[in-house]
Amino acid sequence: MGIVLWLITPWRPSGLTPQAWKMFAIFVATIVGCITKPLPIGGTTLLGMVVTVLVGIAPVKDGVNSKGVVVQTGILSSFGNSAARLIAMAFIMAHGISKTGLGNRVAYLMIKRFCKKSIGIGYAITGLELIMGALIPSNSARTGVLLG
């Protein structure tokens, strides 16, 4: 799919540059690869990043002019963002909580202590959300702990 989009670059929409159209082709190929899983998702996305650099669409490092101003962001610049690291660490913590069974043990403890009546279930869930909200800042990662 991505190769087909890459090859029809001469017939791209008029508002897109050839470089933007090729980036779109790599994006579509990466998404299709994540869905069909010829490689694990991490490998597929890494392959998309490598292809983006190899064909010259994006540099690895930030492009800086003589005054020290960033004129073109590199492909690795988003990994330096503190929000991205925070979310990644939240998912790592959530995975650890799920794998060790800590989530199940805490849930059983809360059921034992608070679930004598139906209102206790609500209090237990609210309490767990308060605790997990401080430990795991990402909503998606917290949901992964609860459902995983």
N, C-alpha and C. Protein backbone atom coordinates (compact mmCIF):
# COMPACT_ATOMS: atom_id res chain seq x y z
N MET A 1 0.83 -1.19 0.00
CA MET A 1 0.00 0.00 0.00
C MET A 1 0.88 1.26 0.00
N GLY A 2 1.88 1.25 0.89
CA GLY A 2 2.77 2.40 0.95
C GLY A 2 3.58 2.57 -0.31
N ILE A 3 4.00 1.44 -0.91
CA ILE A 3 4.79 1.50 -2.15
C ILE A 3 3.94 2.07 -3.28
N VAL A 4 2.68 1.68 -3.34
CA VAL A 4 1.78 2.21 -4.37
C VAL A 4 1.63 3.71 -4.21
N LEU A 5 1.41 4.17 -2.98
CA LEU A 5 1.30 5.61 -2.75
C LEU A 5 2.60 6.33 -3.11
N TRP A 6 3.73 5.70 -2.80
CA TRP A 6 5.03 6.29 -3.12
C TRP A 6 5.18 6.46 -4.63
N LEU A 7 4.75 5.45 -5.38
CA LEU A 7 4.93 5.47 -6.83
C LEU A 7 4.00 6.44 -7.54
N ILE A 8 2.88 6.80 -6.92
CA ILE A 8 1.97 7.74 -7.59
C ILE A 8 2.23 9.18 -7.15
N THR A 9 3.46 9.46 -6.71
CA THR A 9 3.83 10.81 -6.28
C THR A 9 3.55 11.85 -7.37
N PRO A 10 3.80 11.59 -8.66
CA PRO A 10 3.49 12.62 -9.67
C PRO A 10 2.00 12.99 -9.72
N TRP A 11 1.12 12.12 -9.26
CA TRP A 11 -0.32 12.40 -9.30
C TRP A 11 -0.87 12.74 -7.92
N ARG A 12 -0.04 13.26 -7.05
CA ARG A 12 -0.46 13.61 -5.69
C ARG A 12 -1.40 14.82 -5.72
N PRO A 13 -2.11 15.08 -4.62
CA PRO A 13 -2.93 16.30 -4.54
C PRO A 13 -2.05 17.53 -4.69
N SER A 14 -2.57 18.56 -5.31
CA SER A 14 -1.76 19.73 -5.65
C SER A 14 -1.27 20.50 -4.43
N GLY A 15 -1.93 20.36 -3.29
CA GLY A 15 -1.51 21.10 -2.10
C GLY A 15 -0.35 20.48 -1.36
N LEU A 16 0.07 19.28 -1.75
CA LEU A 16 1.14 18.59 -1.04
C LEU A 16 2.44 18.61 -1.83
N THR A 17 3.53 18.81 -1.13
CA THR A 17 4.84 18.71 -1.77
C THR A 17 5.18 17.23 -1.96
N PRO A 18 6.11 16.93 -2.86
CA PRO A 18 6.51 15.52 -3.02
C PRO A 18 7.03 14.91 -1.71
N GLN A 19 7.74 15.71 -0.93
CA GLN A 19 8.26 15.21 0.35
C GLN A 19 7.11 14.87 1.31
N ALA A 20 6.09 15.72 1.36
CA ALA A 20 4.94 15.45 2.23
C ALA A 20 4.18 14.21 1.76
N TRP A 21 4.05 14.03 0.45
CA TRP A 21 3.34 12.86 -0.06
C TRP A 21 4.11 11.57 0.25
N LYS A 22 5.44 11.62 0.16
CA LYS A 22 6.24 10.44 0.49
C LYS A 22 6.14 10.14 1.98
N MET A 23 6.10 11.17 2.81
CA MET A 23 5.92 10.95 4.25
C MET A 23 4.57 10.32 4.52
N PHE A 24 3.54 10.74 3.79
CA PHE A 24 2.21 10.14 3.91
C PHE A 24 2.25 8.66 3.52
N ALA A 25 2.99 8.34 2.46
CA ALA A 25 3.11 6.94 2.03
C ALA A 25 3.79 6.09 3.11
N ILE A 26 4.83 6.62 3.74
CA ILE A 26 5.50 5.89 4.82
C ILE A 26 4.56 5.73 6.00
N PHE A 27 3.80 6.77 6.31
CA PHE A 27 2.84 6.71 7.42
C PHE A 27 1.79 5.63 7.17
N VAL A 28 1.23 5.60 5.97
CA VAL A 28 0.20 4.60 5.64
C VAL A 28 0.81 3.19 5.69
N ALA A 29 2.02 3.04 5.17
CA ALA A 29 2.67 1.73 5.20
C ALA A 29 2.92 1.28 6.64
N THR A 30 3.29 2.21 7.51
CA THR A 30 3.53 1.87 8.91
C THR A 30 2.24 1.45 9.59
N ILE A 31 1.16 2.18 9.35
CA ILE A 31 -0.13 1.83 9.95
C ILE A 31 -0.62 0.47 9.44
N VAL A 32 -0.50 0.24 8.14
CA VAL A 32 -0.90 -1.06 7.59
C VAL A 32 -0.03 -2.17 8.19
N GLY A 33 1.26 -1.90 8.37
CA GLY A 33 2.14 -2.87 9.00
C GLY A 33 1.77 -3.16 10.45
N CYS A 34 1.34 -2.12 11.17
CA CYS A 34 0.91 -2.33 12.56
C CYS A 34 -0.37 -3.16 12.62
N ILE A 35 -1.22 -3.02 11.63
CA ILE A 35 -2.47 -3.78 11.61
C ILE A 35 -2.22 -5.23 11.19
N THR A 36 -1.44 -5.43 10.13
CA THR A 36 -1.22 -6.78 9.63
C THR A 36 -0.13 -7.54 10.39
N LYS A 37 0.74 -6.83 11.09
CA LYS A 37 1.79 -7.38 11.95
C LYS A 37 2.73 -8.36 11.25
N PRO A 38 3.41 -7.94 10.17
CA PRO A 38 4.46 -8.80 9.62
C PRO A 38 5.66 -8.85 10.57
N LEU A 39 5.82 -7.81 11.37
CA LEU A 39 6.81 -7.71 12.44
C LEU A 39 6.06 -7.30 13.70
N PRO A 40 6.69 -7.40 14.86
CA PRO A 40 6.05 -6.81 16.04
C PRO A 40 5.86 -5.30 15.84
N ILE A 41 4.91 -4.71 16.56
CA ILE A 41 4.58 -3.30 16.35
C ILE A 41 5.80 -2.41 16.55
N GLY A 42 6.62 -2.71 17.55
CA GLY A 42 7.83 -1.91 17.77
C GLY A 42 8.76 -1.94 16.57
N GLY A 43 8.93 -3.12 15.98
CA GLY A 43 9.78 -3.24 14.80
C GLY A 43 9.21 -2.52 13.59
N THR A 44 7.90 -2.57 13.45
CA THR A 44 7.26 -1.90 12.32
C THR A 44 7.42 -0.39 12.42
N THR A 45 7.20 0.16 13.61
CA THR A 45 7.34 1.61 13.76
C THR A 45 8.79 2.04 13.65
N LEU A 46 9.71 1.23 14.16
CA LEU A 46 11.13 1.55 14.01
C LEU A 46 11.54 1.51 12.55
N LEU A 47 11.01 0.56 11.80
CA LEU A 47 11.29 0.48 10.37
C LEU A 47 10.77 1.72 9.65
N GLY A 48 9.58 2.19 10.03
CA GLY A 48 9.05 3.42 9.45
C GLY A 48 9.94 4.62 9.72
N MET A 49 10.47 4.71 10.95
CA MET A 49 11.38 5.82 11.28
C MET A 49 12.68 5.72 10.49
N VAL A 50 13.22 4.52 10.37
CA VAL A 50 14.48 4.33 9.64
C VAL A 50 14.30 4.68 8.16
N VAL A 51 13.21 4.24 7.56
CA VAL A 51 12.95 4.55 6.15
C VAL A 51 12.81 6.06 5.97
N THR A 52 12.15 6.73 6.91
CA THR A 52 12.00 8.18 6.83
C THR A 52 13.35 8.88 6.80
N VAL A 53 14.29 8.40 7.60
CA VAL A 53 15.63 9.00 7.62
C VAL A 53 16.41 8.61 6.37
N LEU A 54 16.35 7.34 5.97
CA LEU A 54 17.15 6.87 4.83
C LEU A 54 16.78 7.53 3.51
N VAL A 55 15.51 7.83 3.31
CA VAL A 55 15.11 8.46 2.05
C VAL A 55 15.26 9.98 2.10
N GLY A 56 15.69 10.50 3.24
CA GLY A 56 15.99 11.92 3.34
C GLY A 56 14.80 12.81 3.62
N ILE A 57 13.71 12.27 4.10
CA ILE A 57 12.54 13.10 4.40
C ILE A 57 12.75 13.88 5.69
N ALA A 58 13.36 13.26 6.68
CA ALA A 58 13.61 13.93 7.95
C ALA A 58 15.02 13.59 8.42
N PRO A 59 15.71 14.58 9.01
CA PRO A 59 17.05 14.29 9.54
C PRO A 59 16.96 13.60 10.90
N VAL A 60 18.07 13.02 11.33
CA VAL A 60 18.09 12.38 12.64
C VAL A 60 18.15 13.45 13.73
N LYS A 61 19.03 14.44 13.55
CA LYS A 61 19.19 15.49 14.55
C LYS A 61 18.48 16.76 14.10
N ASP A 62 18.28 17.68 15.04
CA ASP A 62 17.67 18.97 14.72
C ASP A 62 18.61 19.77 13.81
N GLY A 63 18.02 20.45 12.83
CA GLY A 63 18.79 21.35 11.99
C GLY A 63 18.82 22.73 12.64
N VAL A 64 20.03 23.25 12.89
CA VAL A 64 20.19 24.53 13.58
C VAL A 64 20.93 25.47 12.65
N ASN A 65 20.46 26.74 12.58
CA ASN A 65 21.16 27.72 11.75
C ASN A 65 22.32 28.33 12.53
N SER A 66 23.01 29.30 11.93
CA SER A 66 24.21 29.88 12.56
C SER A 66 23.92 30.62 13.85
N LYS A 67 22.67 31.06 14.06
CA LYS A 67 22.30 31.77 15.28
C LYS A 67 21.85 30.82 16.39
N GLY A 68 21.84 29.54 16.12
CA GLY A 68 21.45 28.56 17.12
C GLY A 68 19.95 28.31 17.18
N VAL A 69 19.21 28.77 16.18
CA VAL A 69 17.76 28.58 16.14
C VAL A 69 17.45 27.30 15.38
N VAL A 70 16.57 26.48 15.94
CA VAL A 70 16.18 25.23 15.28
C VAL A 70 15.31 25.56 14.08
N VAL A 71 15.77 25.16 12.89
CA VAL A 71 15.01 25.42 11.67
C VAL A 71 14.31 24.18 11.15
N GLN A 72 14.79 23.01 11.55
CA GLN A 72 14.15 21.76 11.15
C GLN A 72 14.33 20.77 12.29
N THR A 73 13.19 20.25 12.79
CA THR A 73 13.29 19.30 13.90
C THR A 73 13.65 17.92 13.38
N GLY A 74 14.49 17.26 14.12
CA GLY A 74 14.93 15.92 13.76
C GLY A 74 13.92 14.87 14.20
N ILE A 75 14.11 13.67 13.70
CA ILE A 75 13.17 12.59 13.97
C ILE A 75 13.24 12.14 15.43
N LEU A 76 14.36 12.34 16.09
CA LEU A 76 14.51 11.92 17.48
C LEU A 76 14.15 13.02 18.48
N SER A 77 13.78 14.21 18.00
CA SER A 77 13.52 15.32 18.92
C SER A 77 12.30 15.08 19.80
N SER A 78 11.33 14.34 19.32
CA SER A 78 10.13 14.11 20.14
C SER A 78 10.42 13.19 21.32
N PHE A 79 11.47 12.38 21.24
CA PHE A 79 11.82 11.51 22.36
C PHE A 79 12.42 12.31 23.51
N GLY A 80 12.84 13.53 23.26
CA GLY A 80 13.36 14.38 24.32
C GLY A 80 12.27 15.13 25.06
N ASN A 81 11.04 15.03 24.60
CA ASN A 81 9.92 15.71 25.24
C ASN A 81 9.60 15.02 26.57
N SER A 82 9.47 15.81 27.63
CA SER A 82 9.21 15.22 28.94
C SER A 82 7.84 14.56 29.02
N ALA A 83 6.86 15.07 28.29
CA ALA A 83 5.53 14.46 28.31
C ALA A 83 5.56 13.07 27.69
N ALA A 84 6.32 12.90 26.63
CA ALA A 84 6.43 11.57 26.01
C ALA A 84 7.11 10.59 26.96
N ARG A 85 8.13 11.04 27.66
CA ARG A 85 8.79 10.15 28.63
C ARG A 85 7.87 9.81 29.78
N LEU A 86 7.06 10.78 30.22
CA LEU A 86 6.12 10.54 31.32
C LEU A 86 5.11 9.46 30.94
N ILE A 87 4.56 9.56 29.75
CA ILE A 87 3.57 8.58 29.30
C ILE A 87 4.23 7.22 29.10
N ALA A 88 5.43 7.19 28.54
CA ALA A 88 6.13 5.91 28.37
C ALA A 88 6.40 5.26 29.72
N MET A 89 6.84 6.02 30.69
CA MET A 89 7.09 5.46 32.03
C MET A 89 5.79 4.99 32.68
N ALA A 90 4.69 5.71 32.43
CA ALA A 90 3.40 5.28 32.98
C ALA A 90 3.01 3.92 32.42
N PHE A 91 3.21 3.71 31.13
CA PHE A 91 2.89 2.41 30.54
C PHE A 91 3.83 1.32 31.06
N ILE A 92 5.09 1.65 31.28
CA ILE A 92 6.02 0.67 31.83
C ILE A 92 5.61 0.28 33.24
N MET A 93 5.23 1.27 34.06
CA MET A 93 4.76 0.98 35.41
C MET A 93 3.49 0.13 35.38
N ALA A 94 2.57 0.48 34.48
CA ALA A 94 1.31 -0.26 34.37
C ALA A 94 1.58 -1.71 33.98
N HIS A 95 2.51 -1.91 33.06
CA HIS A 95 2.86 -3.27 32.65
C HIS A 95 3.45 -4.05 33.82
N GLY A 96 4.30 -3.39 34.59
CA GLY A 96 4.90 -4.05 35.75
C GLY A 96 3.86 -4.41 36.80
N ILE A 97 2.91 -3.51 37.03
CA ILE A 97 1.85 -3.79 38.01
C ILE A 97 1.00 -4.97 37.54
N SER A 98 0.72 -5.03 36.25
CA SER A 98 -0.08 -6.14 35.72
C SER A 98 0.69 -7.46 35.79
N LYS A 99 1.96 -7.45 35.39
CA LYS A 99 2.75 -8.68 35.35
C LYS A 99 3.01 -9.26 36.73
N THR A 100 3.24 -8.41 37.73
CA THR A 100 3.54 -8.91 39.07
C THR A 100 2.31 -9.33 39.84
N GLY A 101 1.13 -8.95 39.36
CA GLY A 101 -0.10 -9.28 40.06
C GLY A 101 -0.41 -8.34 41.20
N LEU A 102 0.34 -7.24 41.30
CA LEU A 102 0.09 -6.27 42.37
C LEU A 102 -1.31 -5.69 42.27
N GLY A 103 -1.77 -5.44 41.05
CA GLY A 103 -3.12 -4.92 40.87
C GLY A 103 -4.18 -5.85 41.40
N ASN A 104 -4.03 -7.14 41.13
CA ASN A 104 -5.00 -8.13 41.64
C ASN A 104 -4.97 -8.20 43.15
N ARG A 105 -3.77 -8.17 43.72
CA ARG A 105 -3.67 -8.26 45.18
C ARG A 105 -4.31 -7.05 45.85
N VAL A 106 -4.09 -5.86 45.30
CA VAL A 106 -4.70 -4.66 45.86
C VAL A 106 -6.21 -4.71 45.69
N ALA A 107 -6.68 -5.19 44.55
CA ALA A 107 -8.12 -5.28 44.31
C ALA A 107 -8.77 -6.25 45.30
N TYR A 108 -8.15 -7.41 45.52
CA TYR A 108 -8.71 -8.37 46.48
C TYR A 108 -8.72 -7.80 47.89
N LEU A 109 -7.69 -7.06 48.24
CA LEU A 109 -7.63 -6.43 49.55
C LEU A 109 -8.74 -5.40 49.71
N MET A 110 -8.96 -4.60 48.67
CA MET A 110 -10.03 -3.59 48.72
C MET A 110 -11.40 -4.25 48.79
N ILE A 111 -11.61 -5.33 48.07
CA ILE A 111 -12.89 -6.05 48.13
C ILE A 111 -13.11 -6.60 49.53
N LYS A 112 -12.07 -7.16 50.10
CA LYS A 112 -12.18 -7.74 51.44
C LYS A 112 -12.53 -6.67 52.48
N ARG A 113 -11.94 -5.49 52.34
CA ARG A 113 -12.13 -4.44 53.35
C ARG A 113 -13.43 -3.65 53.16
N PHE A 114 -13.77 -3.31 51.91
CA PHE A 114 -14.83 -2.33 51.68
C PHE A 114 -16.12 -2.89 51.09
N CYS A 115 -16.14 -4.10 50.60
CA CYS A 115 -17.30 -4.56 49.85
C CYS A 115 -18.28 -5.37 50.68
N LYS A 116 -18.55 -4.92 51.88
CA LYS A 116 -19.59 -5.55 52.69
C LYS A 116 -20.97 -5.13 52.16
N LYS A 117 -21.04 -3.91 51.64
CA LYS A 117 -22.27 -3.38 51.04
C LYS A 117 -21.93 -2.87 49.64
N SER A 118 -22.97 -2.64 48.84
CA SER A 118 -22.73 -2.20 47.47
C SER A 118 -22.09 -0.81 47.41
N ILE A 119 -22.36 0.06 48.37
CA ILE A 119 -21.75 1.38 48.36
C ILE A 119 -20.24 1.28 48.58
N GLY A 120 -19.81 0.21 49.23
CA GLY A 120 -18.38 0.00 49.45
C GLY A 120 -17.61 -0.21 48.17
N ILE A 121 -18.26 -0.81 47.16
CA ILE A 121 -17.60 -1.00 45.86
C ILE A 121 -17.28 0.36 45.25
N GLY A 122 -18.21 1.28 45.33
CA GLY A 122 -17.98 2.64 44.82
C GLY A 122 -16.84 3.33 45.55
N TYR A 123 -16.82 3.19 46.88
CA TYR A 123 -15.74 3.78 47.66
C TYR A 123 -14.40 3.13 47.31
N ALA A 124 -14.39 1.83 47.12
CA ALA A 124 -13.15 1.13 46.78
C ALA A 124 -12.61 1.59 45.43
N ILE A 125 -13.49 1.69 44.44
CA ILE A 125 -13.06 2.13 43.11
C ILE A 125 -12.56 3.56 43.15
N THR A 126 -13.26 4.43 43.89
CA THR A 126 -12.83 5.82 44.01
C THR A 126 -11.47 5.90 44.70
N GLY A 127 -11.28 5.12 45.74
CA GLY A 127 -10.00 5.11 46.44
C GLY A 127 -8.87 4.61 45.56
N LEU A 128 -9.14 3.56 44.79
CA LEU A 128 -8.11 3.04 43.89
C LEU A 128 -7.75 4.06 42.81
N GLU A 129 -8.75 4.76 42.29
CA GLU A 129 -8.48 5.79 41.29
C GLU A 129 -7.64 6.92 41.87
N LEU A 130 -7.91 7.30 43.11
CA LEU A 130 -7.10 8.34 43.75
C LEU A 130 -5.65 7.89 43.90
N ILE A 131 -5.47 6.66 44.32
CA ILE A 131 -4.10 6.15 44.50
C ILE A 131 -3.40 5.99 43.15
N MET A 132 -4.10 5.38 42.19
CA MET A 132 -3.49 5.15 40.88
C MET A 132 -3.29 6.45 40.12
N GLY A 133 -4.14 7.45 40.36
CA GLY A 133 -3.97 8.73 39.69
C GLY A 133 -2.66 9.40 40.06
N ALA A 134 -2.22 9.20 41.31
CA ALA A 134 -0.95 9.76 41.74
C ALA A 134 0.23 8.94 41.21
N LEU A 135 0.06 7.63 41.10
CA LEU A 135 1.16 6.77 40.67
C LEU A 135 1.31 6.69 39.16
N ILE A 136 0.18 6.62 38.45
CA ILE A 136 0.19 6.43 37.00
C ILE A 136 -0.58 7.59 36.37
N PRO A 137 0.12 8.61 35.84
CA PRO A 137 -0.56 9.81 35.36
C PRO A 137 -1.34 9.65 34.05
N SER A 138 -1.09 8.61 33.29
CA SER A 138 -1.76 8.44 32.00
C SER A 138 -3.07 7.68 32.17
N ASN A 139 -4.16 8.25 31.66
CA ASN A 139 -5.46 7.57 31.73
C ASN A 139 -5.43 6.24 31.00
N SER A 140 -4.78 6.20 29.86
CA SER A 140 -4.72 4.96 29.09
C SER A 140 -3.97 3.87 29.85
N ALA A 141 -2.88 4.24 30.50
CA ALA A 141 -2.11 3.25 31.25
C ALA A 141 -2.89 2.76 32.46
N ARG A 142 -3.63 3.65 33.12
CA ARG A 142 -4.46 3.22 34.26
C ARG A 142 -5.52 2.25 33.80
N THR A 143 -6.14 2.52 32.67
CA THR A 143 -7.15 1.61 32.13
C THR A 143 -6.51 0.27 31.79
N GLY A 144 -5.29 0.30 31.26
CA GLY A 144 -4.59 -0.95 30.97
C GLY A 144 -4.34 -1.78 32.21
N VAL A 145 -4.06 -1.12 33.34
CA VAL A 145 -3.86 -1.85 34.59
C VAL A 145 -5.18 -2.46 35.04
N LEU A 146 -6.26 -1.68 34.95
CA LEU A 146 -7.55 -2.17 35.42
C LEU A 146 -8.07 -3.32 34.56
N LEU A 147 -7.87 -3.25 33.26
CA LEU A 147 -8.40 -4.28 32.37
C LEU A 147 -7.42 -5.42 32.15
N GLY A 148 -6.13 -5.18 32.37
CA GLY A 148 -5.12 -6.21 32.11
C GLY A 148 -4.99 -7.08 33.27
